[in-house]
Protein backbone atom coordinates (compact mmCIF):
# COMPACT_ATOMS: atom_id res chain seq x y z
CA MET A 1 -61.34 61.39 15.21
CA GLU A 2 -60.82 59.75 11.49
CA ILE A 3 -59.05 56.43 12.00
CA ASP A 4 -57.42 55.17 9.51
CA ILE A 5 -57.54 57.97 6.61
CA PRO A 6 -55.71 55.75 3.85
CA GLU A 7 -53.67 58.59 2.55
CA ILE A 8 -52.33 59.24 6.06
CA VAL A 9 -51.89 55.06 6.51
CA ALA A 10 -50.24 55.60 3.07
CA GLU A 11 -47.66 58.18 4.32
CA VAL A 12 -46.88 57.06 7.56
CA ALA A 13 -45.81 52.90 5.19
CA ALA A 14 -43.57 55.29 3.05
CA LEU A 15 -41.62 56.35 5.94
CA HIS A 16 -41.63 53.15 7.82
CA ASP A 17 -40.87 51.37 4.37
CA ARG A 18 -37.87 54.62 4.58
CA TYR A 19 -36.98 53.45 8.35
CA GLU A 20 -36.70 49.97 7.12
CA ALA A 21 -34.15 50.45 4.49
CA ALA A 22 -32.04 52.98 6.38
CA LEU A 23 -31.61 50.45 9.47
CA MET A 24 -30.50 47.92 6.81
CA ALA A 25 -27.88 50.01 5.09
CA ASN A 26 -27.48 51.11 9.07
CA ASP A 27 -27.55 54.62 7.68
CA ALA A 28 -27.45 56.55 10.90
CA ASP A 29 -28.11 59.72 9.58
CA ALA A 30 -31.26 58.81 7.88
CA LEU A 31 -32.23 56.79 10.71
CA GLN A 32 -31.71 59.93 12.96
CA ALA A 33 -33.58 62.22 10.75
CA LEU A 34 -36.98 59.90 11.46
CA PHE A 35 -36.83 60.93 14.88
CA TRP A 36 -37.72 63.91 16.52
CA ASN A 37 -35.19 66.07 17.91
CA ASN A 38 -35.95 66.45 21.16
CA PRO A 39 -34.43 65.57 24.77
CA ARG A 40 -38.26 63.83 25.56
CA THR A 41 -37.70 61.33 22.52
CA ILE A 42 -36.84 57.85 23.71
CA ARG A 43 -35.83 54.56 22.48
CA TYR A 44 -35.99 51.54 24.23
CA GLY A 45 -33.73 48.74 22.70
CA ILE A 46 -32.85 45.14 23.08
CA GLY A 47 -30.11 46.31 25.48
CA GLU A 48 -30.11 49.84 25.73
CA ASN A 49 -32.77 52.87 27.28
CA LEU A 50 -32.09 55.92 25.26
CA TYR A 51 -33.20 59.35 26.66
CA SER A 52 -33.01 62.05 23.94
CA TRP A 53 -32.34 62.44 20.32
CA ASP A 54 -28.49 62.71 21.21
CA GLU A 55 -28.63 59.34 23.04
CA ILE A 56 -30.29 57.58 20.32
CA GLY A 57 -27.79 58.84 17.63
CA ALA A 58 -25.23 58.50 19.89
CA PHE A 59 -25.91 54.78 19.91
CA ARG A 60 -26.92 54.57 15.82
CA SER A 61 -23.16 55.99 15.36
CA ALA A 62 -21.74 53.31 17.59
CA ARG A 63 -23.37 50.46 16.46
CA SER A 64 -21.82 47.45 14.89
CA PRO A 65 -23.40 46.97 11.10
CA VAL A 66 -23.08 42.83 11.49
CA GLY A 67 -25.78 41.15 12.13
CA LEU A 68 -29.16 43.65 10.96
CA ALA A 69 -30.67 41.94 8.43
CA ARG A 70 -33.96 40.63 9.75
CA SER A 71 -37.42 39.98 8.27
CA LEU A 72 -40.48 41.51 9.19
CA SER A 73 -44.03 39.96 9.89
CA ARG A 74 -47.29 41.12 11.37
CA THR A 75 -46.69 45.06 10.63
CA ARG A 76 -49.70 47.01 11.50
CA ILE A 77 -50.50 50.98 11.24
CA ALA A 78 -53.15 52.70 12.93
CA THR A 79 -53.75 56.00 12.44
CA PHE A 80 -55.49 59.06 14.42
CA GLY A 81 -56.61 62.01 12.62
CA ARG A 82 -53.44 63.26 10.37
CA ASP A 83 -51.02 63.87 12.72
CA PHE A 84 -50.56 61.03 15.07
CA ALA A 85 -49.97 56.80 14.36
CA THR A 86 -48.19 53.87 15.87
CA VAL A 87 -46.54 51.19 13.95
CA SER A 88 -46.15 47.66 15.05
CA THR A 89 -44.26 44.89 13.73
CA LEU A 90 -42.31 41.55 14.56
CA PHE A 91 -39.21 40.60 13.29
CA ASP A 92 -36.93 37.72 13.23
CA ARG A 93 -33.29 37.58 12.96
CA ALA A 94 -31.47 34.74 11.90
CA SER A 95 -28.62 36.48 14.47
CA LEU A 96 -31.65 35.32 17.25
CA PRO A 97 -32.64 31.50 16.51
CA GLY A 98 -35.63 30.55 18.44
CA LYS A 99 -36.35 34.50 18.90
CA ILE A 100 -38.97 36.66 17.85
CA GLY A 101 -38.63 40.36 17.66
CA ARG A 102 -40.82 43.02 18.33
CA GLN A 103 -40.79 46.61 17.45
CA MET A 104 -43.36 49.69 18.08
CA GLN A 105 -43.00 53.19 16.97
CA THR A 106 -44.92 56.29 17.91
CA TRP A 107 -45.15 58.88 14.80
CA VAL A 108 -46.07 62.57 15.22
CA ARG A 109 -46.14 64.67 12.29
CA MET A 110 -44.36 68.04 13.19
CA PRO A 111 -44.13 71.29 11.42
CA GLU A 112 -40.91 69.40 10.00
CA GLY A 113 -42.56 66.23 9.20
CA TRP A 114 -43.00 62.98 10.58
CA ARG A 115 -41.07 61.50 13.52
CA ILE A 116 -40.60 58.73 15.68
CA VAL A 117 -41.39 60.41 19.53
CA ALA A 118 -40.97 56.92 20.84
CA ALA A 119 -40.30 53.66 19.63
CA HIS A 120 -39.61 50.12 21.57
CA VAL A 121 -37.58 47.12 20.48
CA SER A 122 -38.00 43.47 22.37
CA VAL A 123 -37.25 40.23 22.10
CA ILE A 124 -38.94 37.23 23.62
CA ALA A 125 -38.85 33.66 22.81
CA ALA A 126 -40.87 32.43 19.82
CA ALA A 127 -43.88 30.69 20.11
């Protein structure tokens, strides 16, 4: 298995950038389109556990657009072959003083394109 094929890393990086832009714009439809439309899709959030594409979409649609701005750091992309990747990043938000956010996404290339099949977001005290 080839790890970190440059063109695959670039594909996933572009998708992660698209995810981040949609998140900052609170574009629920664009965010939802990046998740696998399947009941097995999971997103563990800061204050919610979402089990299915439908639950993720309902959360996104109801979410307030206030306080979403953030800055990313230490973003790492790892690809395994041409169809599987993980993206891990840290984030800072002015609305979370003294805290650091962590986000991990598992991406899989499906027949319809790359999709997030699992995601985890958490916040801890900044070191």
